[in-house]
Amino acid sequence: MPLDLAIGAWLPRVRDSAGLLDRRAYTSLVLERLREALRRRDIYAAHSDRCGDPRSKLLSGPAWEVARPGVAQSFGHDLDPHAELSALILDLDTAYRAVAERLPDNAAVRIEVVDGRDRPVLTTLDRLDVPVSLTDLSTAIQQRLPRIDLPELLLEVAGWTGFLTEWGAACEFVK
C-alpha cells in the first residue's frame, strides 16, 4: 500500500506502535484523499453525474461536426473563431475604456502603489440591514427542522448501515 498519501498528521496515525499498518486509519486516509481529489476534479467517478468527467458527455468526431453549426447558431455564435474573438476583444476594450474614463470620478476606488505596482483599492460597502421577511423566513425554516443531536443522528445512520462495526470507536484514531 502506498504510504505517500500519509503526510503531515496522517503519518503517525496509519502505523501502530509496532510500525504495522493500521487498516482502519489507512482506509480513512484513502477516503479523505479520494474526496479531496474528486472535489479538485483530479479524478472522476465513472457513471456519476456529480463526480463524473463532464467531458465524457461531449460530442466528438463526426457527431460534433454535424451538430456544431446548429449549436453555434443556437448560441448566436459564428463558426469562425477569429470573428468571435474580434467581437470579444472589442467588447473588452470598450468596457476597459469606459471604466478607465469613470475611474477619476469614482470615490469608492483609488489607486495605490504597492511594491512598485499600481493596485486598485476598493472602499468597503456599507452593511445592509437584514429585512424582517428574511428573519421571519429563517425562523420559520428553523422551526420546521427536526431537533436532533449529532450523536443521535450518527447512531441512527449506524443502525441503517452498520458502519460502526467496520470503523470501530472513533477514539482509536486519536493518538
Foldseek 3Di string as FASTA:
>chain_A
DDCPLQDDPLVVLQADPVRHGDVLSVVVSVVVVVVVCQVVLVDADPPDPRSHDPCVPDDDDPVCVVCVVVVCVVVVHDPDVVVVVVVVVVVVVVVVVVCVVCVVVDPQWDWDQDPNDTDIDGHDDDDDDDDPVVVVVVVVVVVPDDDDDPVRVVVVVCVVPVVCVVNPDPCSSPD
